[in-house]
PDB file of all heavy atoms in Angstrom:
ATOM      1  N   VAL A   1       0.811  -1.155  -0.040  1.00  0.00           N
ATOM      2  CA  VAL A   1       0.031   0.000  -0.025  1.00  0.00           C
ATOM      3  C   VAL A   1       0.793   1.237  -0.065  1.00  0.00           C
ATOM      4  O   VAL A   1       0.315   2.339  -0.104  1.00  0.00           O
ATOM      5  CB  VAL A   1      -0.996   0.071   1.243  1.00  0.00           C
ATOM      6  CG1 VAL A   1      -1.838  -1.161   1.214  1.00  0.00           C
ATOM      7  CG2 VAL A   1      -0.214   0.185   2.539  1.00  0.00           C
ATOM      8  N   LYS A   2       2.135   1.091   0.119  1.00  0.00           N
ATOM      9  CA  LYS A   2       3.003   2.295   0.167  1.00  0.00           C
ATOM     10  C   LYS A   2       2.846   3.187  -1.082  1.00  0.00           C
ATOM     11  O   LYS A   2       2.857   2.560  -2.226  1.00  0.00           O
ATOM     12  CB  LYS A   2       4.451   1.831   0.323  1.00  0.00           C
ATOM     13  CG  LYS A   2       5.444   2.854   0.958  1.00  0.00           C
ATOM     14  CD  LYS A   2       6.734   2.195   1.235  1.00  0.00           C
ATOM     15  CE  LYS A   2       6.656   1.156   2.352  1.00  0.00           C
ATOM     16  NZ  LYS A   2       8.049   0.541   2.594  1.00  0.00           N
ATOM     17  N   GLY A   3       2.670   4.447  -0.850  1.00  0.00           N
ATOM     18  CA  GLY A   3       2.519   5.309  -1.994  1.00  0.00           C
ATOM     19  C   GLY A   3       1.050   5.519  -2.343  1.00  0.00           C
ATOM     20  O   GLY A   3       0.769   6.482  -3.174  1.00  0.00           O
ATOM     21  N   ARG A   4       0.179   4.705  -1.906  1.00  0.00           N
ATOM     22  CA  ARG A   4      -1.253   4.790  -2.244  1.00  0.00           C
ATOM     23  C   ARG A   4      -2.108   5.150  -1.005  1.00  0.00           C
ATOM     24  O   ARG A   4      -3.087   5.826  -1.123  1.00  0.00           O
ATOM     25  CB  ARG A   4      -1.710   3.490  -2.858  1.00  0.00           C
ATOM     26  CG  ARG A   4      -0.955   3.072  -4.092  1.00  0.00           C
ATOM     27  CD  ARG A   4      -1.717   1.843  -4.831  1.00  0.00           C
ATOM     28  NE  ARG A   4      -1.638   0.676  -3.914  1.00  0.00           N
ATOM     29  CZ  ARG A   4      -2.725  -0.085  -3.435  1.00  0.00           C
ATOM     30  NH1 ARG A   4      -3.966   0.392  -3.836  1.00  0.00           N
ATOM     31  NH2 ARG A   4      -2.547  -1.066  -2.748  1.00  0.00           N
ATOM     32  N   PHE A   5      -1.749   4.588   0.123  1.00  0.00           N
ATOM     33  CA  PHE A   5      -2.477   4.850   1.346  1.00  0.00           C
ATOM     34  C   PHE A   5      -1.685   5.809   2.254  1.00  0.00           C
ATOM     35  O   PHE A   5      -0.454   5.827   2.305  1.00  0.00           O
ATOM     36  CB  PHE A   5      -2.678   3.508   2.063  1.00  0.00           C
ATOM     37  CG  PHE A   5      -3.570   2.474   1.467  1.00  0.00           C
ATOM     38  CD1 PHE A   5      -4.069   2.714   0.146  1.00  0.00           C
ATOM     39  CD2 PHE A   5      -4.002   1.477   2.204  1.00  0.00           C
ATOM     40  CE1 PHE A   5      -4.931   1.761  -0.448  1.00  0.00           C
ATOM     41  CE2 PHE A   5      -4.828   0.466   1.650  1.00  0.00           C
ATOM     42  CZ  PHE A   5      -5.262   0.645   0.355  1.00  0.00           C
ATOM     43  N   THR A   6      -2.463   6.588   3.046  1.00  0.00           N
ATOM     44  CA  THR A   6      -1.847   7.494   4.044  1.00  0.00           C
ATOM     45  C   THR A   6      -2.626   7.409   5.300  1.00  0.00           C
ATOM     46  O   THR A   6      -3.905   7.554   5.344  1.00  0.00           O
ATOM     47  CB  THR A   6      -1.949   8.994   3.513  1.00  0.00           C
ATOM     48  OG1 THR A   6      -1.230   9.090   2.220  1.00  0.00           O
ATOM     49  CG2 THR A   6      -1.270   9.877   4.521  1.00  0.00           C
ATOM     50  N   ILE A   7      -1.901   7.162   6.323  1.00  0.00           N
ATOM     51  CA  ILE A   7      -2.501   7.084   7.686  1.00  0.00           C
ATOM     52  C   ILE A   7      -2.242   8.404   8.428  1.00  0.00           C
ATOM     53  O   ILE A   7      -1.114   9.077   8.233  1.00  0.00           O
ATOM     54  CB  ILE A   7      -1.942   5.922   8.547  1.00  0.00           C
ATOM     55  CG1 ILE A   7      -2.659   5.684   9.783  1.00  0.00           C
ATOM     56  CG2 ILE A   7      -0.410   6.106   8.829  1.00  0.00           C
ATOM     57  CD1 ILE A   7      -2.427   4.402  10.460  1.00  0.00           C
ATOM     58  N   SER A   8      -3.157   8.899   9.215  1.00  0.00           N
ATOM     59  CA  SER A   8      -3.089  10.148   9.924  1.00  0.00           C
ATOM     60  C   SER A   8      -3.941   9.983  11.194  1.00  0.00           C
ATOM     61  O   SER A   8      -4.683   9.090  11.338  1.00  0.00           O
ATOM     62  CB  SER A   8      -3.552  11.336   9.033  1.00  0.00           C
ATOM     63  OG  SER A   8      -4.827  11.201   8.753  1.00  0.00           O
ATOM     64  N   ARG A   9      -3.655  10.993  12.111  1.00  0.00           N
ATOM     65  CA  ARG A   9      -4.382  10.968  13.290  1.00  0.00           C
ATOM     66  C   ARG A   9      -4.682  12.383  13.740  1.00  0.00           C
ATOM     67  O   ARG A   9      -3.990  13.303  13.444  1.00  0.00           O
ATOM     68  CB  ARG A   9      -3.729  10.224  14.448  1.00  0.00           C
ATOM     69  CG  ARG A   9      -2.839  11.104  15.235  1.00  0.00           C
ATOM     70  CD  ARG A   9      -1.292  10.801  14.983  1.00  0.00           C
ATOM     71  NE  ARG A   9      -0.491  11.500  16.001  1.00  0.00           N
ATOM     72  CZ  ARG A   9       0.205  12.540  15.782  1.00  0.00           C
ATOM     73  NH1 ARG A   9       0.038  13.194  14.624  1.00  0.00           N
ATOM     74  NH2 ARG A   9       1.011  13.111  16.684  1.00  0.00           N
ATOM     75  N   ASP A  10      -5.899  12.448  14.508  1.00  0.00           N
ATOM     76  CA  ASP A  10      -6.302  13.785  15.052  1.00  0.00           C
ATOM     77  C   ASP A  10      -6.360  13.461  16.524  1.00  0.00           C
ATOM     78  O   ASP A  10      -7.368  12.825  16.999  1.00  0.00           O
ATOM     79  CB  ASP A  10      -7.603  14.172  14.469  1.00  0.00           C
ATOM     80  CG  ASP A  10      -8.054  15.566  15.041  1.00  0.00           C
ATOM     81  OD1 ASP A  10      -7.705  15.912  16.185  1.00  0.00           O
ATOM     82  OD2 ASP A  10      -8.844  16.141  14.343  1.00  0.00           O
ATOM     83  N   ASN A  11      -5.419  13.922  17.316  1.00  0.00           N
ATOM     84  CA  ASN A  11      -5.255  13.551  18.754  1.00  0.00           C
ATOM     85  C   ASN A  11      -6.444  14.235  19.534  1.00  0.00           C
ATOM     86  O   ASN A  11      -6.992  13.523  20.451  1.00  0.00           O
ATOM     87  CB  ASN A  11      -4.011  14.026  19.336  1.00  0.00           C
ATOM     88  CG  ASN A  11      -2.804  13.214  18.755  1.00  0.00           C
ATOM     89  OD1 ASN A  11      -2.722  12.795  17.601  1.00  0.00           O
ATOM     90  ND2 ASN A  11      -1.864  12.920  19.650  1.00  0.00           N
ATOM     91  N   ALA A  12      -6.831  15.423  19.044  1.00  0.00           N
ATOM     92  CA  ALA A  12      -8.023  16.056  19.834  1.00  0.00           C
ATOM     93  C   ALA A  12      -9.276  15.238  19.637  1.00  0.00           C
ATOM     94  O   ALA A  12     -10.027  15.252  20.591  1.00  0.00           O
ATOM     95  CB  ALA A  12      -8.193  17.450  19.235  1.00  0.00           C
ATOM     96  N   LYS A  13      -9.442  14.485  18.574  1.00  0.00           N
ATOM     97  CA  LYS A  13     -10.677  13.786  18.370  1.00  0.00           C
ATOM     98  C   LYS A  13     -10.511  12.357  18.625  1.00  0.00           C
ATOM     99  O   LYS A  13     -11.417  11.504  18.481  1.00  0.00           O
ATOM    100  CB  LYS A  13     -11.156  13.996  16.866  1.00  0.00           C
ATOM    101  CG  LYS A  13     -11.584  15.379  16.511  1.00  0.00           C
ATOM    102  CD  LYS A  13     -12.054  15.467  15.069  1.00  0.00           C
ATOM    103  CE  LYS A  13     -12.488  16.895  14.655  1.00  0.00           C
ATOM    104  NZ  LYS A  13     -12.949  16.906  13.292  1.00  0.00           N
ATOM    105  N   ASN A  14      -9.274  11.935  19.022  1.00  0.00           N
ATOM    106  CA  ASN A  14      -8.930  10.388  19.242  1.00  0.00           C
ATOM    107  C   ASN A  14      -9.333   9.676  18.053  1.00  0.00           C
ATOM    108  O   ASN A  14     -10.017   8.632  18.166  1.00  0.00           O
ATOM    109  CB  ASN A  14      -9.618   9.988  20.480  1.00  0.00           C
ATOM    110  CG  ASN A  14      -8.980  10.387  21.729  1.00  0.00           C
ATOM    111  OD1 ASN A  14      -7.793  10.811  21.705  1.00  0.00           O
ATOM    112  ND2 ASN A  14      -9.623  10.404  22.935  1.00  0.00           N
ATOM    113  N   THR A  15      -9.050  10.177  16.875  1.00  0.00           N
ATOM    114  CA  THR A  15      -9.497   9.505  15.602  1.00  0.00           C
ATOM    115  C   THR A  15      -8.259   9.347  14.676  1.00  0.00           C
ATOM    116  O   THR A  15      -7.399  10.157  14.585  1.00  0.00           O
ATOM    117  CB  THR A  15     -10.546  10.285  14.931  1.00  0.00           C
ATOM    118  OG1 THR A  15     -11.633  10.419  15.802  1.00  0.00           O
ATOM    119  CG2 THR A  15     -10.960   9.624  13.649  1.00  0.00           C
ATOM    120  N   VAL A  16      -8.247   8.102  14.072  1.00  0.00           N
ATOM    121  CA  VAL A  16      -7.271   7.726  13.173  1.00  0.00           C
ATOM    122  C   VAL A  16      -7.944   7.595  11.763  1.00  0.00           C
ATOM    123  O   VAL A  16      -9.007   6.998  11.740  1.00  0.00           O
ATOM    124  CB  VAL A  16      -6.468   6.536  13.577  1.00  0.00           C
ATOM    125  CG1 VAL A  16      -5.513   6.112  12.458  1.00  0.00           C
ATOM    126  CG2 VAL A  16      -5.760   6.813  14.918  1.00  0.00           C
ATOM    127  N   TYR A  17      -7.149   8.004  10.664  1.00  0.00           N
ATOM    128  CA  TYR A  17      -7.834   7.959   9.333  1.00  0.00           C
ATOM    129  C   TYR A  17      -6.853   7.130   8.470  1.00  0.00           C
ATOM    130  O   TYR A  17      -5.700   7.023   8.713  1.00  0.00           O
ATOM    131  CB  TYR A  17      -7.919   9.337   8.789  1.00  0.00           C
ATOM    132  CG  TYR A  17      -8.749  10.320   9.638  1.00  0.00           C
ATOM    133  CD1 TYR A  17      -8.077  11.113  10.507  1.00  0.00           C
ATOM    134  CD2 TYR A  17     -10.133  10.295   9.470  1.00  0.00           C
ATOM    135  CE1 TYR A  17      -8.800  12.025  11.337  1.00  0.00           C
ATOM    136  CE2 TYR A  17     -10.872  11.111  10.318  1.00  0.00           C
ATOM    137  CZ  TYR A  17     -10.244  11.982  11.151  1.00  0.00           C
ATOM    138  OH  TYR A  17     -11.002  12.927  11.947  1.00  0.00           O
ATOM    139  N   LEU A  18      -7.426   6.511   7.423  1.00  0.00           N
ATOM    140  CA  LEU A  18      -6.686   5.873   6.437  1.00  0.00           C
ATOM    141  C   LEU A  18      -7.206   6.297   5.132  1.00  0.00           C
ATOM    142  O   LEU A  18      -8.356   5.914   4.717  1.00  0.00           O
ATOM    143  CB  LEU A  18      -6.806   4.312   6.574  1.00  0.00           C
ATOM    144  CG  LEU A  18      -5.927   3.541   5.646  1.00  0.00           C
ATOM    145  CD1 LEU A  18      -4.358   3.712   5.986  1.00  0.00           C
ATOM    146  CD2 LEU A  18      -6.239   2.114   5.636  1.00  0.00           C
ATOM    147  N   GLN A  19      -6.493   7.129   4.403  1.00  0.00           N
ATOM    148  CA  GLN A  19      -6.836   7.648   3.151  1.00  0.00           C
ATOM    149  C   GLN A  19      -6.279   6.583   2.146  1.00  0.00           C
ATOM    150  O   GLN A  19      -5.138   6.347   2.094  1.00  0.00           O
ATOM    151  CB  GLN A  19      -6.361   9.032   2.870  1.00  0.00           C
ATOM    152  CG  GLN A  19      -6.585   9.517   1.496  1.00  0.00           C
ATOM    153  CD  GLN A  19      -8.038   9.798   1.230  1.00  0.00           C
ATOM    154  OE1 GLN A  19      -8.647  10.365   2.079  1.00  0.00           O
ATOM    155  NE2 GLN A  19      -8.510   9.402  -0.034  1.00  0.00           N
ATOM    156  N   MET A  20      -7.224   6.009   1.285  1.00  0.00           N
ATOM    157  CA  MET A  20      -6.826   5.015   0.406  1.00  0.00           C
ATOM    158  C   MET A  20      -7.149   5.523  -1.014  1.00  0.00           C
ATOM    159  O   MET A  20      -8.241   5.744  -1.401  1.00  0.00           O
ATOM    160  CB  MET A  20      -7.654   3.745   0.697  1.00  0.00           C
ATOM    161  CG  MET A  20      -7.482   3.224   2.060  1.00  0.00           C
ATOM    162  SD  MET A  20      -8.277   1.594   2.334  1.00  0.00           S
ATOM    163  CE  MET A  20      -9.953   2.046   2.152  1.00  0.00           C
ATOM    164  N   ASN A  21      -6.024   5.682  -1.806  1.00  0.00           N
ATOM    165  CA  ASN A  21      -6.163   6.134  -3.273  1.00  0.00           C
ATOM    166  C   ASN A  21      -5.711   5.060  -4.240  1.00  0.00           C
ATOM    167  O   ASN A  21      -5.037   4.063  -3.747  1.00  0.00           O
ATOM    168  CB  ASN A  21      -5.240   7.391  -3.406  1.00  0.00           C
ATOM    169  CG  ASN A  21      -5.694   8.570  -2.552  1.00  0.00           C
ATOM    170  OD1 ASN A  21      -6.897   8.720  -2.297  1.00  0.00           O
ATOM    171  ND2 ASN A  21      -4.705   9.361  -2.170  1.00  0.00           N
ATOM    172  N   SER A  22      -5.972   5.197  -5.439  1.00  0.00           N
ATOM    173  CA  SER A  22      -5.635   4.252  -6.505  1.00  0.00           C
ATOM    174  C   SER A  22      -5.927   2.778  -6.008  1.00  0.00           C
ATOM    175  O   SER A  22      -5.090   1.943  -6.122  1.00  0.00           O
ATOM    176  CB  SER A  22      -4.039   4.409  -6.829  1.00  0.00           C
ATOM    177  OG  SER A  22      -3.823   5.742  -7.213  1.00  0.00           O
ATOM    178  N   LEU A  23      -7.204   2.617  -5.550  1.00  0.00           N
ATOM    179  CA  LEU A  23      -7.515   1.327  -5.059  1.00  0.00           C
ATOM    180  C   LEU A  23      -7.575   0.257  -6.117  1.00  0.00           C
ATOM    181  O   LEU A  23      -7.892   0.498  -7.303  1.00  0.00           O
ATOM    182  CB  LEU A  23      -8.928   1.466  -4.368  1.00  0.00           C
ATOM    183  CG  LEU A  23      -8.876   2.067  -3.006  1.00  0.00           C
ATOM    184  CD1 LEU A  23     -10.297   2.468  -2.558  1.00  0.00           C
ATOM    185  CD2 LEU A  23      -8.326   1.082  -1.981  1.00  0.00           C
ATOM    186  N   LYS A  24      -7.169  -0.976  -5.696  1.00  0.00           N
ATOM    187  CA  LYS A  24      -7.100  -2.124  -6.600  1.00  0.00           C
ATOM    188  C   LYS A  24      -8.053  -3.201  -6.028  1.00  0.00           C
ATOM    189  O   LYS A  24      -8.361  -3.255  -4.899  1.00  0.00           O
ATOM    190  CB  LYS A  24      -5.642  -2.679  -6.547  1.00  0.00           C
ATOM    191  CG  LYS A  24      -4.635  -1.668  -7.011  1.00  0.00           C
ATOM    192  CD  LYS A  24      -3.170  -2.239  -6.851  1.00  0.00           C
ATOM    193  CE  LYS A  24      -2.134  -1.253  -7.227  1.00  0.00           C
ATOM    194  NZ  LYS A  24      -0.721  -1.776  -7.003  1.00  0.00           N
ATOM    195  N   PRO A  25      -8.468  -4.089  -6.950  1.00  0.00           N
ATOM    196  CA  PRO A  25      -9.315  -5.177  -6.406  1.00  0.00           C
ATOM    197  C   PRO A  25      -8.737  -5.949  -5.362  1.00  0.00           C
ATOM    198  O   PRO A  25      -9.461  -6.527  -4.542  1.00  0.00           O
ATOM    199  CB  PRO A  25      -9.431  -6.059  -7.768  1.00  0.00           C
ATOM    200  CG  PRO A  25      -9.350  -5.045  -8.841  1.00  0.00           C
ATOM    201  CD  PRO A  25      -8.331  -4.126  -8.436  1.00  0.00           C
ATOM    202  N   GLU A  26      -7.359  -6.142  -5.365  1.00  0.00           N
ATOM    203  CA  GLU A  26      -6.716  -6.920  -4.293  1.00  0.00           C
ATOM    204  C   GLU A  26      -6.763  -6.085  -2.972  1.00  0.00           C
ATOM    205  O   GLU A  26      -6.413  -6.736  -1.894  1.00  0.00           O
ATOM    206  CB  GLU A  26      -5.251  -7.251  -4.713  1.00  0.00           C
ATOM    207  CG  GLU A  26      -4.451  -6.104  -5.147  1.00  0.00           C
ATOM    208  CD  GLU A  26      -4.380  -5.989  -6.632  1.00  0.00           C
ATOM    209  OE1 GLU A  26      -5.547  -6.121  -7.226  1.00  0.00           O
ATOM    210  OE2 GLU A  26      -3.352  -5.768  -7.160  1.00  0.00           O
ATOM    211  N   ASP A  27      -7.203  -4.914  -2.931  1.00  0.00           N
ATOM    212  CA  ASP A  27      -7.422  -4.238  -1.657  1.00  0.00           C
ATOM    213  C   ASP A  27      -8.661  -4.569  -0.945  1.00  0.00           C
ATOM    214  O   ASP A  27      -8.950  -4.177   0.221  1.00  0.00           O
ATOM    215  CB  ASP A  27      -7.360  -2.741  -1.781  1.00  0.00           C
ATOM    216  CG  ASP A  27      -6.040  -2.187  -2.364  1.00  0.00           C
ATOM    217  OD1 ASP A  27      -4.972  -2.588  -1.806  1.00  0.00           O
ATOM    218  OD2 ASP A  27      -5.990  -1.357  -3.197  1.00  0.00           O
ATOM    219  N   THR A  28      -9.593  -5.400  -1.579  1.00  0.00           N
ATOM    220  CA  THR A  28     -10.854  -5.751  -1.041  1.00  0.00           C
ATOM    221  C   THR A  28     -10.618  -6.576   0.268  1.00  0.00           C
ATOM    222  O   THR A  28      -9.700  -7.397   0.331  1.00  0.00           O
ATOM    223  CB  THR A  28     -11.558  -6.577  -2.075  1.00  0.00           C
ATOM    224  OG1 THR A  28     -11.900  -5.731  -3.192  1.00  0.00           O
ATOM    225  CG2 THR A  28     -12.911  -7.145  -1.517  1.00  0.00           C
ATOM    226  N   GLY A  29     -11.499  -6.302   1.194  1.00  0.00           N
ATOM    227  CA  GLY A  29     -11.397  -7.042   2.414  1.00  0.00           C
ATOM    228  C   GLY A  29     -12.161  -6.183   3.536  1.00  0.00           C
ATOM    229  O   GLY A  29     -12.648  -5.179   3.349  1.00  0.00           O
ATOM    230  N   VAL A  30     -12.142  -6.755   4.710  1.00  0.00           N
ATOM    231  CA  VAL A  30     -12.644  -6.123   5.903  1.00  0.00           C
ATOM    232  C   VAL A  30     -11.431  -5.499   6.510  1.00  0.00           C
ATOM    233  O   VAL A  30     -10.450  -6.079   6.865  1.00  0.00           O
ATOM    234  CB  VAL A  30     -13.351  -7.131   6.923  1.00  0.00           C
ATOM    235  CG1 VAL A  30     -13.827  -6.351   8.161  1.00  0.00           C
ATOM    236  CG2 VAL A  30     -14.521  -7.842   6.225  1.00  0.00           C
ATOM    237  N   TYR A  31     -11.629  -4.207   6.714  1.00  0.00           N
ATOM    238  CA  TYR A  31     -10.590  -3.408   7.390  1.00  0.00           C
ATOM    239  C   TYR A  31     -10.861  -3.078   8.821  1.00  0.00           C
ATOM    240  O   TYR A  31     -12.001  -2.782   9.213  1.00  0.00           O
ATOM    241  CB  TYR A  31     -10.411  -2.035   6.661  1.00  0.00           C
ATOM    242  CG  TYR A  31      -9.744  -2.186   5.315  1.00  0.00           C
ATOM    243  CD1 TYR A  31     -10.260  -2.838   4.208  1.00  0.00           C
ATOM    244  CD2 TYR A  31      -8.437  -1.609   5.170  1.00  0.00           C
ATOM    245  CE1 TYR A  31      -9.530  -3.037   3.054  1.00  0.00           C
ATOM    246  CE2 TYR A  31      -7.739  -1.725   3.957  1.00  0.00           C
ATOM    247  CZ  TYR A  31      -8.347  -2.455   2.913  1.00  0.00           C
ATOM    248  OH  TYR A  31      -7.629  -2.633   1.743  1.00  0.00           O
TER     249      TYR A  31
END
């Protein structure tokens, strides 16, 4: 996923994000 996905966090909201770009069929699954 390197170069396509970006993980980030918002400490104030206690929330983590995963931005997924250029998705491929092999990315399918339960996250």
